[in-house]
Amino acid sequence: MINNTLDLYSTIQEAVNAVRSHVSTSPTTSPATPPAVGIILGTGLGGLVHSMQVHHTVDYAQIPHMPVSTVESHAGRLLFGTVNGVEVVVMQGRFHLYEGYTAKQVTFPVRVMKFLGVRTLIVSNACGGLNPLYRKGDVMVIDDHINLLGDNPLIGPNDDRLGPRFPDMSEPYSQRLISTLQSVALERKHSIHRGVYAAVAGPNLETRAEYRFLRTIGADVVGMSTVPETIVARHMGMDVLGLSIVTDECFPDALEPVTLQDVLAAAAIAEPVLTDLITHVLPRI
């Protein structure tokens, strides 16, 4: 368990060394090429794994200081391999503040991926649609975010070996990668949105008044993840591409109860589009 930022660097190194040890002793003929791209799969979005040539699998339980995912549909392992010829490491299962983890614990895997060689982070999530033009099953590329989590993974003493004390967030999501993804979507004949993601702590869904507030302040979708990982990725100089799948429509005047099963069912419908987009954008990163 990570106690404070002062020993964060050493815990990262322990985790990285453990991952490399497991990968190097894995029974495979594939070379252990450092992955240039890290991918975080959100709730119900594990289908990309089926398009992946997996070379190595490391369970989170085998990695020192790594939290354990407690959410249904989050497998809890790192996958190393290739997608469309590109070396990647995939987080099959992420962590959330509502599970009881700190922001530093939630983002610990991102720091580990950076030291494994990752330069670009692709982060995906399931979310609620606030924009009245969005519908269940739509895909949105994240252009910006609003942090309403009440926490930040950079709070506390800063370690300059990890990043600057005051990282710039004028471009949290790479405009170059967004443009590239939009070109891929056009070529693949996928209609996608571009908008703002608001992060809240959860785990309850929002009230009608809260949905009205979020829309008023400029959010197009709302979710319970992604922002902490993005902040840490930018702190460490990584480029970020964010993708959201709208799994429920959060329109206050026509609000209906939503269950996890509803979210997973909606994610499963839209997941092939997300997988196709990521698969074809990877060679252009």
C-alpha atoms as a PDB file:
ATOM      1  CA  MET A   1       0.000   0.000   0.000  1.00  0.00           C
ATOM      2  CA  ILE A   2       1.309   3.454  -0.928  1.00  0.00           C
ATOM      3  CA  ASN A   3       1.629   5.619   2.189  1.00  0.00           C
ATOM      4  CA  ASN A   4       2.787   8.950   0.757  1.00  0.00           C
ATOM      5  CA  THR A   5       4.315  10.632  -2.255  1.00  0.00           C
ATOM      6  CA  LEU A   6       7.828  10.615  -0.786  1.00  0.00           C
ATOM      7  CA  ASP A   7       8.166   6.845  -1.245  1.00  0.00           C
ATOM      8  CA  LEU A   8       6.044   6.691  -4.409  1.00  0.00           C
ATOM      9  CA  TYR A   9       9.069   6.495  -6.715  1.00  0.00           C
ATOM     10  CA  SER A  10      10.501   3.442  -4.943  1.00  0.00           C
ATOM     11  CA  THR A  11       7.155   1.626  -4.950  1.00  0.00           C
ATOM     12  CA  ILE A  12       6.834   2.279  -8.684  1.00  0.00           C
ATOM     13  CA  GLN A  13      10.266   0.781  -9.271  1.00  0.00           C
ATOM     14  CA  GLU A  14       9.390  -2.306  -7.229  1.00  0.00           C
ATOM     15  CA  ALA A  15       6.225  -2.794  -9.260  1.00  0.00           C
ATOM     16  CA  VAL A  16       8.019  -2.236 -12.571  1.00  0.00           C
ATOM     17  CA  ASN A  17      10.754  -4.716 -11.662  1.00  0.00           C
ATOM     18  CA  ALA A  18       8.149  -7.312 -10.672  1.00  0.00           C
ATOM     19  CA  VAL A  19       6.250  -6.872 -13.946  1.00  0.00           C
ATOM     20  CA  ARG A  20       9.442  -7.169 -15.983  1.00  0.00           C
ATOM     21  CA  SER A  21      10.387 -10.284 -14.043  1.00  0.00           C
ATOM     22  CA  HIS A  22       7.040 -11.947 -14.773  1.00  0.00           C
ATOM     23  CA  VAL A  23       7.179 -10.947 -18.434  1.00  0.00           C
ATOM     24  CA  SER A  24      10.758 -12.167 -18.931  1.00  0.00           C
ATOM     25  CA  THR A  25       9.954 -15.586 -17.422  1.00  0.00           C
ATOM     26  CA  SER A  26       6.651 -15.973 -19.264  1.00  0.00           C
ATOM     27  CA  PRO A  27       6.551 -19.066 -21.498  1.00  0.00           C
ATOM     28  CA  THR A  28       6.407 -17.358 -24.885  1.00  0.00           C
ATOM     29  CA  THR A  29       8.643 -17.035 -27.910  1.00  0.00           C
ATOM     30  CA  SER A  30       7.688 -13.386 -28.441  1.00  0.00           C
ATOM     31  CA  PRO A  31      10.356 -10.807 -27.573  1.00  0.00           C
ATOM     32  CA  ALA A  32       9.606  -8.572 -24.598  1.00  0.00           C
ATOM     33  CA  THR A  33       9.414  -5.330 -26.566  1.00  0.00           C
ATOM     34  CA  PRO A  34       8.620  -2.299 -24.398  1.00  0.00           C
ATOM     35  CA  PRO A  35       5.048  -1.145 -25.120  1.00  0.00           C
ATOM     36  CA  ALA A  36       4.730   2.373 -26.518  1.00  0.00           C
ATOM     37  CA  VAL A  37       0.980   2.602 -25.862  1.00  0.00           C
ATOM     38  CA  GLY A  38      -0.972   1.896 -22.688  1.00  0.00           C
ATOM     39  CA  ILE A  39      -4.714   1.238 -22.802  1.00  0.00           C
ATOM     40  CA  ILE A  40      -7.175   1.366 -19.886  1.00  0.00           C
ATOM     41  CA  LEU A  41     -10.403  -0.530 -20.508  1.00  0.00           C
ATOM     42  CA  GLY A  42     -13.477   0.828 -18.757  1.00  0.00           C
ATOM     43  CA  THR A  43     -16.599  -0.891 -17.447  1.00  0.00           C
ATOM     44  CA  GLY A  44     -17.894  -3.418 -19.960  1.00  0.00           C
ATOM     45  CA  LEU A  45     -15.267  -2.482 -22.536  1.00  0.00           C
ATOM     46  CA  GLY A  46     -13.041  -5.555 -22.496  1.00  0.00           C
ATOM     47  CA  GLY A  47     -13.729  -6.595 -26.092  1.00  0.00           C
ATOM     48  CA  LEU A  48     -10.493  -5.101 -27.391  1.00  0.00           C
ATOM     49  CA  VAL A  49      -8.692  -8.042 -25.800  1.00  0.00           C
ATOM     50  CA  HIS A  50     -10.219 -10.313 -28.450  1.00  0.00           C
ATOM     51  CA  SER A  51      -8.435  -8.270 -31.135  1.00  0.00           C
ATOM     52  CA  MET A  52      -5.134  -8.511 -29.280  1.00  0.00           C
ATOM     53  CA  GLN A  53      -2.314 -10.975 -29.738  1.00  0.00           C
ATOM     54  CA  VAL A  54      -1.463 -11.508 -26.077  1.00  0.00           C
ATOM     55  CA  HIS A  55       2.170 -12.376 -25.308  1.00  0.00           C
ATOM     56  CA  HIS A  56       2.200 -12.001 -21.526  1.00  0.00           C
ATOM     57  CA  THR A  57      -0.396 -11.787 -18.749  1.00  0.00           C
ATOM     58  CA  VAL A  58       0.354 -10.452 -15.265  1.00  0.00           C
ATOM     59  CA  ASP A  59      -2.349 -10.528 -12.591  1.00  0.00           C
ATOM     60  CA  TYR A  60      -2.570  -7.421 -10.437  1.00  0.00           C
ATOM     61  CA  ALA A  61      -2.083  -9.643  -7.384  1.00  0.00           C
ATOM     62  CA  GLN A  62       1.422 -10.461  -8.675  1.00  0.00           C
ATOM     63  CA  ILE A  63       2.455  -6.792  -8.722  1.00  0.00           C
ATOM     64  CA  PRO A  64       3.664  -5.167  -5.481  1.00  0.00           C
ATOM     65  CA  HIS A  65       1.602  -2.156  -4.327  1.00  0.00           C
ATOM     66  CA  MET A  66      -1.004  -2.668  -7.065  1.00  0.00           C
ATOM     67  CA  PRO A  67      -4.633  -2.324  -5.910  1.00  0.00           C
ATOM     68  CA  VAL A  68      -7.110  -5.098  -6.676  1.00  0.00           C
ATOM     69  CA  SER A  69     -10.188  -4.293  -8.741  1.00  0.00           C
ATOM     70  CA  THR A  70     -13.455  -4.916  -6.885  1.00  0.00           C
ATOM     71  CA  VAL A  71     -15.872  -3.965  -9.668  1.00  0.00           C
ATOM     72  CA  GLU A  72     -17.851  -6.512 -11.657  1.00  0.00           C
ATOM     73  CA  SER A  73     -16.580  -6.788 -15.281  1.00  0.00           C
ATOM     74  CA  HIS A  74     -13.048  -5.631 -14.328  1.00  0.00           C
ATOM     75  CA  ALA A  75     -10.761  -8.670 -14.714  1.00  0.00           C
ATOM     76  CA  GLY A  76      -7.737  -7.308 -12.852  1.00  0.00           C
ATOM     77  CA  ARG A  77      -4.659  -7.984 -14.973  1.00  0.00           C
ATOM     78  CA  LEU A  78      -2.081  -6.421 -17.267  1.00  0.00           C
ATOM     79  CA  LEU A  79      -1.908  -7.802 -20.789  1.00  0.00           C
ATOM     80  CA  PHE A  80       1.172  -7.341 -22.968  1.00  0.00           C
ATOM     81  CA  GLY A  81       1.028  -7.932 -26.702  1.00  0.00           C
ATOM     82  CA  THR A  82       0.129  -6.361 -30.025  1.00  0.00           C
ATOM     83  CA  VAL A  83      -2.990  -4.824 -31.525  1.00  0.00           C
ATOM     84  CA  ASN A  84      -2.801  -4.283 -35.270  1.00  0.00           C
ATOM     85  CA  GLY A  85       0.969  -4.686 -35.086  1.00  0.00           C
ATOM     86  CA  VAL A  86       1.474  -2.120 -32.313  1.00  0.00           C
ATOM     87  CA  GLU A  87       3.044  -3.134 -28.991  1.00  0.00           C
ATOM     88  CA  VAL A  88       0.650  -2.281 -26.156  1.00  0.00           C
ATOM     89  CA  VAL A  89       0.025  -2.931 -22.483  1.00  0.00           C
ATOM     90  CA  VAL A  90      -3.642  -3.154 -21.550  1.00  0.00           C
ATOM     91  CA  MET A  91      -5.172  -2.637 -18.121  1.00  0.00           C
ATOM     92  CA  GLN A  92      -8.031  -5.114 -18.087  1.00  0.00           C
ATOM     93  CA  GLY A  93      -9.756  -3.561 -15.102  1.00  0.00           C
ATOM     94  CA  ARG A  94      -9.232  -0.157 -13.485  1.00  0.00           C
ATOM     95  CA  PHE A  95      -9.726   1.358 -10.048  1.00  0.00           C
ATOM     96  CA  HIS A  96     -12.052   4.043  -8.722  1.00  0.00           C
ATOM     97  CA  LEU A  97     -12.216   6.351  -5.733  1.00  0.00           C
ATOM     98  CA  TYR A  98     -15.587   4.884  -4.775  1.00  0.00           C
ATOM     99  CA  GLU A  99     -13.921   1.516  -4.130  1.00  0.00           C
ATOM    100  CA  GLY A 100     -12.147   3.154  -1.219  1.00  0.00           C
ATOM    101  CA  TYR A 101      -8.813   3.693  -2.954  1.00  0.00           C
ATOM    102  CA  THR A 102      -6.927   6.974  -2.813  1.00  0.00           C
ATOM    103  CA  ALA A 103      -6.290   8.988  -5.955  1.00  0.00           C
ATOM    104  CA  LYS A 104      -2.626   7.931  -5.778  1.00  0.00           C
ATOM    105  CA  GLN A 105      -3.607   4.261  -5.685  1.00  0.00           C
ATOM    106  CA  VAL A 106      -6.082   4.681  -8.547  1.00  0.00           C
ATOM    107  CA  THR A 107      -3.348   6.174 -10.748  1.00  0.00           C
ATOM    108  CA  PHE A 108      -0.471   3.965  -9.628  1.00  0.00           C
ATOM    109  CA  PRO A 109      -0.767   1.692 -12.710  1.00  0.00           C
ATOM    110  CA  VAL A 110      -0.383   4.694 -15.020  1.00  0.00           C
ATOM    111  CA  ARG A 111       2.946   5.538 -13.416  1.00  0.00           C
ATOM    112  CA  VAL A 112       4.028   1.914 -13.719  1.00  0.00           C
ATOM    113  CA  MET A 113       3.128   1.903 -17.422  1.00  0.00           C
ATOM    114  CA  LYS A 114       5.181   5.057 -17.955  1.00  0.00           C
ATOM    115  CA  PHE A 115       8.276   3.384 -16.518  1.00  0.00           C
ATOM    116  CA  LEU A 116       7.601   0.321 -18.649  1.00  0.00           C
ATOM    117  CA  GLY A 117       8.042   2.503 -21.733  1.00  0.00           C
ATOM    118  CA  VAL A 118       4.530   3.807 -22.440  1.00  0.00           C
ATOM    119  CA  ARG A 119       4.462   7.247 -24.072  1.00  0.00           C
ATOM    120  CA  THR A 120       0.782   7.421 -25.067  1.00  0.00           C
ATOM    121  CA  LEU A 121      -2.211   6.523 -22.902  1.00  0.00           C
ATOM    122  CA  ILE A 122      -5.596   5.576 -24.351  1.00  0.00           C
ATOM    123  CA  VAL A 123      -8.258   5.653 -21.655  1.00  0.00           C
ATOM    124  CA  SER A 124     -11.839   4.485 -22.143  1.00  0.00           C
ATOM    125  CA  ASN A 125     -14.935   4.590 -19.972  1.00  0.00           C
ATOM    126  CA  ALA A 126     -18.657   4.024 -19.783  1.00  0.00           C
ATOM    127  CA  CYS A 127     -20.537   7.221 -19.008  1.00  0.00           C
ATOM    128  CA  GLY A 128     -23.905   8.909 -18.764  1.00  0.00           C
ATOM    129  CA  GLY A 129     -24.964  11.204 -21.587  1.00  0.00           C
ATOM    130  CA  LEU A 130     -25.900  14.770 -20.591  1.00  0.00           C
ATOM    131  CA  ASN A 131     -25.898  16.406 -24.004  1.00  0.00           C
ATOM    132  CA  PRO A 132     -29.431  16.153 -25.443  1.00  0.00           C
ATOM    133  CA  LEU A 133     -27.952  15.234 -28.829  1.00  0.00           C
ATOM    134  CA  TYR A 134     -26.278  12.121 -27.405  1.00  0.00           C
ATOM    135  CA  ARG A 135     -27.968   8.720 -27.321  1.00  0.00           C
ATOM    136  CA  LYS A 136     -27.272   5.424 -25.601  1.00  0.00           C
ATOM    137  CA  GLY A 137     -24.546   3.568 -27.500  1.00  0.00           C
ATOM    138  CA  ASP A 138     -22.885   6.711 -28.894  1.00  0.00           C
ATOM    139  CA  VAL A 139     -19.099   7.166 -28.729  1.00  0.00           C
ATOM    140  CA  MET A 140     -17.497  10.443 -27.666  1.00  0.00           C
ATOM    141  CA  VAL A 141     -13.843  11.429 -27.928  1.00  0.00           C
ATOM    142  CA  ILE A 142     -12.923  13.510 -24.885  1.00  0.00           C
ATOM    143  CA  ASP A 143     -11.822  17.040 -25.722  1.00  0.00           C
ATOM    144  CA  ASP A 144     -11.586  18.283 -22.119  1.00  0.00           C
ATOM    145  CA  HIS A 145     -12.706  17.380 -18.617  1.00  0.00           C
ATOM    146  CA  ILE A 146     -14.106  18.820 -15.388  1.00  0.00           C
ATOM    147  CA  ASN A 147     -12.764  17.381 -12.141  1.00  0.00           C
ATOM    148  CA  LEU A 148     -15.559  17.166  -9.555  1.00  0.00           C
ATOM    149  CA  LEU A 149     -14.067  14.218  -7.679  1.00  0.00           C
ATOM    150  CA  GLY A 150     -13.032  16.357  -4.728  1.00  0.00           C
ATOM    151  CA  ASP A 151      -9.527  14.914  -4.967  1.00  0.00           C
ATOM    152  CA  ASN A 152      -6.385  15.068  -7.084  1.00  0.00           C
ATOM    153  CA  PRO A 153      -3.615  12.453  -7.337  1.00  0.00           C
ATOM    154  CA  LEU A 154      -0.941  15.177  -7.271  1.00  0.00           C
ATOM    155  CA  ILE A 155      -1.856  16.508  -3.823  1.00  0.00           C
ATOM    156  CA  GLY A 156       1.056  16.211  -1.407  1.00  0.00           C
ATOM    157  CA  PRO A 157       4.840  16.540  -1.769  1.00  0.00           C
ATOM    158  CA  ASN A 158       5.981  16.437  -5.398  1.00  0.00           C
ATOM    159  CA  ASP A 159       8.744  14.136  -6.641  1.00  0.00           C
ATOM    160  CA  ASP A 160      10.487  15.874  -9.539  1.00  0.00           C
ATOM    161  CA  ARG A 161      11.548  12.480 -10.914  1.00  0.00           C
ATOM    162  CA  LEU A 162       7.893  11.871 -11.756  1.00  0.00           C
ATOM    163  CA  GLY A 163       6.880  15.294 -13.037  1.00  0.00           C
ATOM    164  CA  PRO A 164       6.683  19.020 -12.264  1.00  0.00           C
ATOM    165  CA  ARG A 165       5.008  20.514  -9.206  1.00  0.00           C
ATOM    166  CA  PHE A 166       2.491  22.463 -11.332  1.00  0.00           C
ATOM    167  CA  PRO A 167       1.830  20.527 -14.564  1.00  0.00           C
ATOM    168  CA  ASP A 168       0.096  22.454 -17.340  1.00  0.00           C
ATOM    169  CA  MET A 169      -3.390  21.203 -18.243  1.00  0.00           C
ATOM    170  CA  SER A 170      -4.211  23.478 -21.174  1.00  0.00           C
ATOM    171  CA  GLU A 171      -4.314  20.366 -23.375  1.00  0.00           C
ATOM    172  CA  PRO A 172      -5.114  17.346 -21.187  1.00  0.00           C
ATOM    173  CA  TYR A 173      -6.187  15.339 -24.231  1.00  0.00           C
ATOM    174  CA  SER A 174      -3.900  15.498 -27.254  1.00  0.00           C
ATOM    175  CA  GLN A 175      -5.475  17.546 -30.034  1.00  0.00           C
ATOM    176  CA  ARG A 176      -3.268  15.710 -32.520  1.00  0.00           C
ATOM    177  CA  LEU A 177      -4.607  12.349 -31.366  1.00  0.00           C
ATOM    178  CA  ILE A 178      -8.191  13.631 -31.351  1.00  0.00           C
ATOM    179  CA  SER A 179      -7.830  14.787 -34.964  1.00  0.00           C
ATOM    180  CA  THR A 180      -6.282  11.454 -35.913  1.00  0.00           C
ATOM    181  CA  LEU A 181      -9.132   9.553 -34.301  1.00  0.00           C
ATOM    182  CA  GLN A 182     -11.730  11.705 -36.048  1.00  0.00           C
ATOM    183  CA  SER A 183     -10.054  10.922 -39.378  1.00  0.00           C
ATOM    184  CA  VAL A 184     -10.157   7.212 -38.564  1.00  0.00           C
ATOM    185  CA  ALA A 185     -13.833   7.461 -37.595  1.00  0.00           C
ATOM    186  CA  LEU A 186     -14.627   9.137 -40.908  1.00  0.00           C
ATOM    187  CA  GLU A 187     -12.746   6.488 -42.868  1.00  0.00           C
ATOM    188  CA  ARG A 188     -14.377   3.652 -40.920  1.00  0.00           C
ATOM    189  CA  LYS A 189     -17.816   5.312 -41.270  1.00  0.00           C
ATOM    190  CA  HIS A 190     -18.372   5.728 -37.531  1.00  0.00           C
ATOM    191  CA  SER A 191     -20.266   8.744 -36.242  1.00  0.00           C
ATOM    192  CA  ILE A 192     -18.685  10.040 -33.033  1.00  0.00           C
ATOM    193  CA  HIS A 193     -19.080  13.072 -30.789  1.00  0.00           C
ATOM    194  CA  ARG A 194     -16.407  15.353 -29.351  1.00  0.00           C
ATOM    195  CA  GLY A 195     -17.112  16.787 -25.919  1.00  0.00           C
ATOM    196  CA  VAL A 196     -16.400  17.375 -22.243  1.00  0.00           C
ATOM    197  CA  TYR A 197     -16.253  14.641 -19.590  1.00  0.00           C
ATOM    198  CA  ALA A 198     -17.190  15.457 -15.980  1.00  0.00           C
ATOM    199  CA  ALA A 199     -15.819  13.166 -13.282  1.00  0.00           C
ATOM    200  CA  VAL A 200     -17.749  12.642 -10.040  1.00  0.00           C
ATOM    201  CA  ALA A 201     -16.895  10.401  -7.100  1.00  0.00           C
ATOM    202  CA  GLY A 202     -19.912   8.048  -7.188  1.00  0.00           C
ATOM    203  CA  PRO A 203     -20.816   5.290  -6.654  1.00  0.00           C
ATOM    204  CA  ASN A 204     -24.431   6.464  -6.748  1.00  0.00           C
ATOM    205  CA  LEU A 205     -25.764   7.896  -9.967  1.00  0.00           C
ATOM    206  CA  GLU A 206     -26.670  11.566  -9.956  1.00  0.00           C
ATOM    207  CA  THR A 207     -29.932  13.286  -9.081  1.00  0.00           C
ATOM    208  CA  ARG A 208     -31.988  15.250 -11.592  1.00  0.00           C
ATOM    209  CA  ALA A 209     -30.732  18.512 -10.088  1.00  0.00           C
ATOM    210  CA  GLU A 210     -27.139  17.339 -10.350  1.00  0.00           C
ATOM    211  CA  TYR A 211     -27.615  16.422 -14.015  1.00  0.00           C
ATOM    212  CA  ARG A 212     -28.988  19.896 -14.685  1.00  0.00           C
ATOM    213  CA  PHE A 213     -26.010  21.439 -12.888  1.00  0.00           C
ATOM    214  CA  LEU A 214     -23.477  19.342 -14.845  1.00  0.00           C
ATOM    215  CA  ARG A 215     -25.043  20.302 -18.153  1.00  0.00           C
ATOM    216  CA  THR A 216     -25.107  23.962 -17.116  1.00  0.00           C
ATOM    217  CA  ILE A 217     -21.365  24.021 -16.399  1.00  0.00           C
ATOM    218  CA  GLY A 218     -20.561  22.558 -19.812  1.00  0.00           C
ATOM    219  CA  ALA A 219     -20.341  18.785 -19.385  1.00  0.00           C
ATOM    220  CA  ASP A 220     -21.510  16.539 -22.211  1.00  0.00           C
ATOM    221  CA  VAL A 221     -21.097  13.268 -20.298  1.00  0.00           C
ATOM    222  CA  VAL A 222     -20.517  12.228 -16.687  1.00  0.00           C
ATOM    223  CA  GLY A 223     -18.587   9.326 -15.203  1.00  0.00           C
ATOM    224  CA  MET A 224     -16.576   8.130 -12.198  1.00  0.00           C
ATOM    225  CA  SER A 225     -13.086   7.611 -13.613  1.00  0.00           C
ATOM    226  CA  THR A 226     -10.597   8.765 -16.274  1.00  0.00           C
ATOM    227  CA  VAL A 227      -9.706  12.202 -14.883  1.00  0.00           C
ATOM    228  CA  PRO A 228      -7.212  10.996 -12.227  1.00  0.00           C
ATOM    229  CA  GLU A 229      -5.425   8.806 -14.788  1.00  0.00           C
ATOM    230  CA  THR A 230      -5.289  11.679 -17.257  1.00  0.00           C
ATOM    231  CA  ILE A 231      -3.864  14.077 -14.674  1.00  0.00           C
ATOM    232  CA  VAL A 232      -1.073  11.659 -13.755  1.00  0.00           C
ATOM    233  CA  ALA A 233      -0.347  10.809 -17.398  1.00  0.00           C
ATOM    234  CA  ARG A 234       0.075  14.491 -18.214  1.00  0.00           C
ATOM    235  CA  HIS A 235       2.152  14.974 -15.046  1.00  0.00           C
ATOM    236  CA  MET A 236       4.547  12.382 -16.468  1.00  0.00           C
ATOM    237  CA  GLY A 237       4.574  13.823 -19.979  1.00  0.00           C
ATOM    238  CA  MET A 238       2.379  11.216 -21.657  1.00  0.00           C
ATOM    239  CA  ASP A 239      -0.042  12.042 -24.480  1.00  0.00           C
ATOM    240  CA  VAL A 240      -3.640  11.062 -23.716  1.00  0.00           C
ATOM    241  CA  LEU A 241      -6.529   9.988 -25.926  1.00  0.00           C
ATOM    242  CA  GLY A 242      -9.855   9.576 -24.110  1.00  0.00           C
ATOM    243  CA  LEU A 243     -12.932   7.725 -25.357  1.00  0.00           C
ATOM    244  CA  SER A 244     -16.352   7.423 -23.739  1.00  0.00           C
ATOM    245  CA  ILE A 245     -19.291   5.164 -24.512  1.00  0.00           C
ATOM    246  CA  VAL A 246     -22.684   6.583 -23.543  1.00  0.00           C
ATOM    247  CA  THR A 247     -24.430   3.791 -21.638  1.00  0.00           C
ATOM    248  CA  ASP A 248     -27.410   5.736 -20.275  1.00  0.00           C
ATOM    249  CA  GLU A 249     -29.224   8.962 -21.081  1.00  0.00           C
ATOM    250  CA  CYS A 250     -29.196  11.458 -18.204  1.00  0.00           C
ATOM    251  CA  PHE A 251     -31.995  13.808 -19.217  1.00  0.00           C
ATOM    252  CA  PRO A 252     -33.590  15.190 -16.013  1.00  0.00           C
ATOM    253  CA  ASP A 253     -37.122  15.530 -17.375  1.00  0.00           C
ATOM    254  CA  ALA A 254     -37.192  11.953 -18.677  1.00  0.00           C
ATOM    255  CA  LEU A 255     -34.938  10.202 -16.171  1.00  0.00           C
ATOM    256  CA  GLU A 256     -35.311   6.450 -15.676  1.00  0.00           C
ATOM    257  CA  PRO A 257     -33.615   4.117 -13.167  1.00  0.00           C
ATOM    258  CA  VAL A 258     -30.382   2.503 -14.402  1.00  0.00           C
ATOM    259  CA  THR A 259     -28.755  -0.741 -13.231  1.00  0.00           C
ATOM    260  CA  LEU A 260     -25.251  -2.089 -13.786  1.00  0.00           C
ATOM    261  CA  GLN A 261     -26.760  -4.691 -16.097  1.00  0.00           C
ATOM    262  CA  ASP A 262     -28.227  -1.881 -18.215  1.00  0.00           C
ATOM    263  CA  VAL A 263     -24.796  -0.218 -18.398  1.00  0.00           C
ATOM    264  CA  LEU A 264     -23.049  -3.452 -19.393  1.00  0.00           C
ATOM    265  CA  ALA A 265     -25.693  -4.207 -22.040  1.00  0.00           C
ATOM    266  CA  ALA A 266     -25.336  -0.754 -23.615  1.00  0.00           C
ATOM    267  CA  ALA A 267     -21.543  -0.978 -23.500  1.00  0.00           C
ATOM    268  CA  ALA A 268     -21.642  -4.353 -25.240  1.00  0.00           C
ATOM    269  CA  ILE A 269     -23.627  -2.868 -28.136  1.00  0.00           C
ATOM    270  CA  ALA A 270     -21.216   0.028 -28.704  1.00  0.00           C
ATOM    271  CA  GLU A 271     -18.028  -1.827 -27.852  1.00  0.00           C
ATOM    272  CA  PRO A 272     -17.320  -3.076 -31.418  1.00  0.00           C
ATOM    273  CA  VAL A 273     -17.164   0.554 -32.592  1.00  0.00           C
ATOM    274  CA  LEU A 274     -14.738   1.464 -29.814  1.00  0.00           C
ATOM    275  CA  THR A 275     -12.595  -1.575 -30.589  1.00  0.00           C
ATOM    276  CA  ASP A 276     -12.555  -0.760 -34.291  1.00  0.00           C
ATOM    277  CA  LEU A 277     -11.547   2.845 -33.619  1.00  0.00           C
ATOM    278  CA  ILE A 278      -8.704   1.924 -31.259  1.00  0.00           C
ATOM    279  CA  THR A 279      -7.477  -0.864 -33.518  1.00  0.00           C
ATOM    280  CA  HIS A 280      -7.185   1.435 -36.500  1.00  0.00           C
ATOM    281  CA  VAL A 281      -5.887   4.525 -34.704  1.00  0.00           C
ATOM    282  CA  LEU A 282      -2.998   2.657 -33.051  1.00  0.00           C
ATOM    283  CA  PRO A 283      -0.723   2.457 -36.135  1.00  0.00           C
ATOM    284  CA  ARG A 284      -1.060   6.237 -36.552  1.00  0.00           C
ATOM    285  CA  ILE A 285      -0.012   7.154 -33.019  1.00  0.00           C
END
